[in-house]
Amino acid sequence: MSVLNADLELDPKAAATFVGGRAEKVILEAGRELYKFSSYPMKSADGRITPWWASVQPLEGGDPGLKGLLERSGRSGVDPRDFARARSAVSKDWNGLADMIRAALQQPVWAWKGRCAHQRMDNTRPDMANVVFIGGAWQVFIPNLTIAHIREI
């Protein structure tokens, strides 16, 4: 059985969401727990599964994981969704971040990991063209996911 995304190169549009357009291709093992704040379900009406995630367990030394995000937002007195929005640079017109989705990989997959690049705060407001969310959080990009690869927990 081949591993998802083994022969895939990172799309330039996806690369642009990482600091400096750089992301490292890594294999994420089965059992890895992922999360994201979103106003959308994990699986869209047309059956596609969101490719953008953060890891519950830290990906490496600088990644606080979910526990660290919750601790940092608590120390800052900021709602975890607002903290995640700023650090993951999720433009307001992209997603309301109403709920947290948690999922676990069911089999190994190739993914790209790196830090989120800054993004405009709201793409629908020309008067805010120079206002950005800072980014800097760790993210993983896993295109082509199906329910065979991941399940919501």
Protein backbone atom coordinates (compact mmCIF):
# COMPACT_ATOMS: atom_id res chain seq x y z
CA MET A 1 0.00 0.00 0.00
CA SER A 2 1.41 3.37 -0.96
CA VAL A 3 1.39 6.21 1.56
CA LEU A 4 -0.87 9.19 0.77
CA ASN A 5 0.96 12.08 -0.96
CA ALA A 6 4.24 10.14 -1.33
CA ASP A 7 4.85 11.42 -4.86
CA LEU A 8 3.16 14.81 -4.45
CA GLU A 9 4.99 18.13 -4.51
CA LEU A 10 3.74 21.09 -2.48
CA ASP A 11 1.44 23.32 -4.50
CA PRO A 12 2.75 26.94 -4.69
CA LYS A 13 -0.56 28.31 -3.36
CA ALA A 14 -0.29 26.07 -0.28
CA ALA A 15 3.43 26.88 0.09
CA ALA A 16 2.56 30.58 0.33
CA THR A 17 0.73 29.91 3.62
CA PHE A 18 4.02 28.91 5.26
CA VAL A 19 6.62 31.44 6.46
CA GLY A 20 8.96 32.15 3.56
CA GLY A 21 7.00 29.71 1.40
CA ARG A 22 8.93 26.88 3.07
CA ALA A 23 7.51 23.70 4.54
CA GLU A 24 9.12 20.36 5.32
CA LYS A 25 7.61 17.19 3.90
CA VAL A 26 7.24 14.67 6.72
CA ILE A 27 5.45 11.43 7.35
CA LEU A 28 2.83 11.54 10.08
CA GLU A 29 2.19 8.15 11.62
CA ALA A 30 -1.16 6.51 12.28
CA GLY A 31 -2.54 7.61 15.63
CA ARG A 32 -1.29 11.20 15.35
CA GLU A 33 -4.00 13.46 16.73
CA LEU A 34 -4.79 16.67 14.92
CA TYR A 35 -7.05 19.62 15.68
CA LYS A 36 -8.34 22.83 14.23
CA PHE A 37 -10.84 25.53 15.07
CA SER A 38 -13.44 25.83 12.33
CA SER A 39 -16.99 26.83 11.54
CA TYR A 40 -17.10 24.05 8.95
CA PRO A 41 -17.32 20.28 9.42
CA MET A 42 -14.24 18.12 8.91
CA LYS A 43 -15.84 16.69 5.76
CA SER A 44 -17.54 19.07 3.36
CA ALA A 45 -20.88 18.38 1.68
CA ASP A 46 -19.04 17.21 -1.43
CA GLY A 47 -16.98 14.73 0.62
CA ARG A 48 -13.66 16.58 0.76
CA ILE A 49 -11.76 16.60 4.05
CA THR A 50 -10.01 19.77 5.12
CA PRO A 51 -6.24 19.61 4.53
CA TRP A 52 -5.22 22.26 7.12
CA TRP A 53 -4.49 21.08 10.68
CA ALA A 54 -2.43 21.63 13.80
CA SER A 55 -0.99 18.78 15.82
CA VAL A 56 -2.29 17.96 19.30
CA GLN A 57 1.17 16.64 20.20
CA PRO A 58 4.01 19.10 19.42
CA LEU A 59 5.56 18.54 16.00
CA GLU A 60 8.98 19.64 17.25
CA GLY A 61 10.66 21.82 19.88
CA GLY A 62 9.04 25.15 19.08
CA ASP A 63 5.53 23.78 18.65
CA PRO A 64 3.46 24.02 21.85
CA GLY A 65 0.78 21.59 20.61
CA LEU A 66 -2.81 21.93 21.76
CA LYS A 67 -1.98 21.95 25.47
CA GLY A 68 0.46 24.81 24.96
CA LEU A 69 -2.00 26.80 22.87
CA LEU A 70 -4.62 26.48 25.60
CA GLU A 71 -2.11 27.46 28.31
CA ARG A 72 -0.87 30.48 26.35
CA SER A 73 -4.35 31.72 25.53
CA GLY A 74 -5.33 31.31 29.20
CA ARG A 75 -2.31 33.27 30.44
CA SER A 76 -3.12 35.99 27.91
CA GLY A 77 -6.79 36.10 28.90
CA VAL A 78 -7.74 35.48 25.26
CA ASP A 79 -10.32 33.01 23.98
CA PRO A 80 -8.46 30.01 22.46
CA ARG A 81 -10.22 30.57 19.14
CA ASP A 82 -9.04 34.19 18.96
CA PHE A 83 -5.52 33.16 19.98
CA ALA A 84 -5.50 30.44 17.32
CA ARG A 85 -6.86 32.87 14.71
CA ALA A 86 -4.02 35.34 15.29
CA ARG A 87 -1.24 32.75 15.47
CA SER A 88 -2.58 30.55 12.65
CA ALA A 89 -3.40 33.66 10.59
CA VAL A 90 -6.95 32.68 9.65
CA SER A 91 -8.57 35.64 7.89
CA LYS A 92 -11.99 36.49 9.28
CA ASP A 93 -13.66 36.09 5.89
CA TRP A 94 -12.28 32.55 5.53
CA ASN A 95 -13.64 30.97 8.69
CA GLY A 96 -15.55 31.87 11.86
CA LEU A 97 -13.62 29.30 13.98
CA ALA A 98 -16.77 28.47 15.98
CA ASP A 99 -15.80 24.97 17.11
CA MET A 100 -12.80 22.73 17.67
CA ILE A 101 -12.47 19.63 15.52
CA ARG A 102 -10.21 16.82 16.71
CA ALA A 103 -9.23 13.89 14.55
CA ALA A 104 -6.77 11.01 14.45
CA LEU A 105 -4.89 9.64 11.50
CA GLN A 106 -5.86 6.06 10.68
CA GLN A 107 -2.78 5.35 8.59
CA PRO A 108 0.53 7.08 7.83
CA VAL A 109 0.37 10.06 5.48
CA TRP A 110 2.88 12.43 3.94
CA ALA A 111 2.25 16.02 5.00
CA TRP A 112 3.98 19.37 5.00
CA LYS A 113 4.76 21.08 8.29
CA GLY A 114 5.94 24.55 9.03
CA ARG A 115 5.00 27.86 10.57
CA CYS A 116 1.98 29.83 9.37
CA ALA A 117 2.75 32.93 7.34
CA HIS A 118 0.96 36.16 8.20
CA GLN A 119 -2.33 36.73 6.39
CA ARG A 120 -4.63 39.68 5.92
CA MET A 121 -7.11 40.10 8.74
CA ASP A 122 -10.07 40.45 6.38
CA ASN A 123 -9.80 40.11 2.62
CA THR A 124 -13.19 41.75 2.05
CA ARG A 125 -12.11 45.10 3.51
CA PRO A 126 -9.85 47.20 1.26
CA ASP A 127 -9.46 49.72 4.10
CA MET A 128 -7.66 47.00 6.09
CA ALA A 129 -5.31 45.82 3.35
CA ASN A 130 -2.27 46.39 5.58
CA VAL A 131 -3.72 44.82 8.73
CA VAL A 132 -2.58 41.23 9.22
CA PHE A 133 -2.74 38.37 11.67
CA ILE A 134 0.80 37.64 12.82
CA GLY A 135 0.93 33.89 12.15
CA GLY A 136 3.84 31.86 13.47
CA ALA A 137 1.90 28.84 14.74
CA TRP A 138 2.84 25.39 13.48
CA GLN A 139 0.53 23.91 10.86
CA VAL A 140 0.34 20.77 8.79
CA PHE A 141 -1.04 20.56 5.28
CA ILE A 142 -2.36 17.14 4.23
CA PRO A 143 -4.08 17.21 0.85
CA ASN A 144 -6.17 14.33 -0.52
CA LEU A 145 -7.42 13.05 2.84
CA THR A 146 -10.33 10.60 2.87
CA ILE A 147 -12.21 8.90 5.68
CA ALA A 148 -9.83 5.96 5.21
CA HIS A 149 -6.97 8.23 6.36
CA ILE A 150 -8.53 10.19 9.21
CA ARG A 151 -11.46 10.00 11.61
CA GLU A 152 -13.03 12.60 13.82
CA ILE A 153 -12.73 12.01 17.56
